[in-house]
C-alpha cells in the first residue's frame, strides 16, 4: 500500500469518527467513494445560493437612493431566518451601506 492510499484511508477513518461523534445515529447516504451525505441536512448550492441572494437583495435595497428618502429611521438590525437553516443571521442595517471612496 502506497503512502497516498494509506493517507486517504486514515483521513477517511478520522472523518468517520468525527461524523459519528458530532452526529450520532445519522443515516449517511453514500454518494460515491468517500463522499457521504446526510438526508437530514440541506447540502449544496441551493442553501448557499438562497443566502447569497437574500443578502445581495438587502445590499441593493440599502444602497438604493430611494432608501434614504423613504426611511425615517437610522440604524437598526435585521434578523434573517432562512428556511432549512437552524441559525439566525443578524445584520446591522448601517453595515449594508457601501462606503464611498
Protein backbone atom coordinates (compact mmCIF):
# COMPACT_ATOMS: atom_id res chain seq x y z
CA UNK A 1 0.00 0.00 0.00
CA UNK A 2 1.48 3.36 -1.01
CA UNK A 3 1.60 6.49 1.16
CA UNK A 4 -1.24 8.27 -0.62
CA UNK A 5 -3.63 5.33 -0.24
CA UNK A 6 -2.75 4.94 3.43
CA UNK A 7 -3.17 8.70 3.98
CA UNK A 8 -6.62 8.64 2.35
CA UNK A 9 -7.72 5.66 4.44
CA UNK A 10 -6.54 7.29 7.67
CA UNK A 11 -8.24 10.54 6.71
CA UNK A 12 -11.50 8.74 5.90
CA UNK A 13 -11.36 6.91 9.24
CA UNK A 14 -10.83 10.17 11.16
CA UNK A 15 -13.66 11.85 9.23
CA UNK A 16 -16.00 8.93 10.01
CA UNK A 17 -15.10 9.07 13.71
CA UNK A 18 -15.72 12.83 13.81
CA UNK A 19 -19.04 12.48 11.97
CA UNK A 20 -20.18 9.70 14.31
CA UNK A 21 -19.25 11.83 17.32
CA UNK A 22 -20.91 15.02 16.02
CA UNK A 23 -23.98 13.34 14.50
CA UNK A 24 -24.70 10.13 16.44
CA UNK A 25 -27.19 7.78 14.81
CA UNK A 26 -27.10 9.62 11.46
CA UNK A 27 -28.08 7.55 8.42
CA UNK A 28 -25.41 8.54 5.89
CA UNK A 29 -26.04 8.17 2.14
CA UNK A 30 -23.02 7.01 0.14
CA UNK A 31 -22.97 9.21 -2.98
CA UNK A 32 -19.65 7.91 -4.28
CA UNK A 33 -16.46 6.50 -2.85
CA UNK A 34 -15.53 8.59 0.18
CA UNK A 35 -18.45 11.02 -0.14
CA UNK A 36 -21.38 10.67 2.25
CA UNK A 37 -24.40 12.93 2.65
CA UNK A 38 -26.98 13.28 5.39
CA UNK A 39 -30.64 13.14 4.37
CA UNK A 40 -31.47 15.42 7.32
CA UNK A 41 -29.28 18.39 6.40
CA UNK A 42 -29.55 20.59 3.33
CA UNK A 43 -26.39 20.42 1.27
CA UNK A 44 -25.32 22.08 -1.90
CA UNK A 45 -25.75 25.23 -3.88
CA UNK A 46 -29.42 25.80 -3.12
CA UNK A 47 -28.99 26.89 0.54
CA UNK A 48 -25.84 28.95 -0.06
CA UNK A 49 -27.31 30.44 -3.24
CA UNK A 50 -30.54 31.38 -1.29
CA UNK A 51 -28.48 33.07 1.47
CA UNK A 52 -26.39 34.95 -1.08
CA UNK A 53 -29.49 36.13 -2.95
CA UNK A 54 -31.11 37.45 0.23
CA UNK A 55 -28.04 39.35 1.37
CA UNK A 56 -27.49 40.69 -2.15
CA UNK A 57 -31.08 41.97 -2.23
CA UNK A 58 -30.59 43.66 1.15
CA UNK A 59 -27.42 45.39 -0.06
CA UNK A 60 -29.23 46.55 -3.18
CA UNK A 61 -32.17 47.90 -1.22
CA UNK A 62 -29.99 49.66 1.37
CA UNK A 63 -27.83 51.35 -1.27
CA UNK A 64 -30.76 52.47 -3.38
CA UNK A 65 -31.20 56.27 -3.50
CA UNK A 66 -34.88 55.88 -2.58
CA UNK A 67 -33.97 54.15 0.72
CA UNK A 68 -32.63 57.32 2.34
CA UNK A 69 -35.58 59.35 1.06
CA UNK A 70 -38.25 56.92 2.29
CA UNK A 71 -36.71 55.72 5.56
CA UNK A 72 -37.43 57.91 8.59
CA UNK A 73 -35.25 55.87 10.94
CA UNK A 74 -31.49 55.36 11.02
CA UNK A 75 -29.68 52.23 12.03
CA UNK A 76 -31.31 49.08 13.27
CA UNK A 77 -30.85 45.37 12.97
CA UNK A 78 -32.22 42.82 10.54
CA UNK A 79 -32.72 39.27 11.78
CA UNK A 80 -32.96 36.69 8.99
CA UNK A 81 -34.36 33.20 9.38
CA UNK A 82 -33.79 31.20 6.22
CA UNK A 83 -35.94 28.12 5.74
CA UNK A 84 -33.87 24.99 6.16
CA UNK A 85 -31.21 26.71 8.29
CA UNK A 86 -31.14 26.42 12.07
CA UNK A 87 -29.14 29.59 12.71
CA UNK A 88 -30.41 33.15 12.61
CA UNK A 89 -28.42 35.77 10.72
CA UNK A 90 -28.07 39.17 12.37
CA UNK A 91 -27.22 42.15 10.15
CA UNK A 92 -26.66 45.77 11.13
CA UNK A 93 -28.53 47.97 8.63
CA UNK A 94 -25.74 50.55 8.53
CA UNK A 95 -23.15 47.88 7.72
CA UNK A 96 -25.04 47.16 4.50
CA UNK A 97 -24.30 50.64 3.17
CA UNK A 98 -21.40 50.71 0.73
CA UNK A 99 -18.75 53.23 1.74
CA UNK A 100 -17.93 55.77 -0.96
CA UNK A 101 -14.21 56.18 -1.68
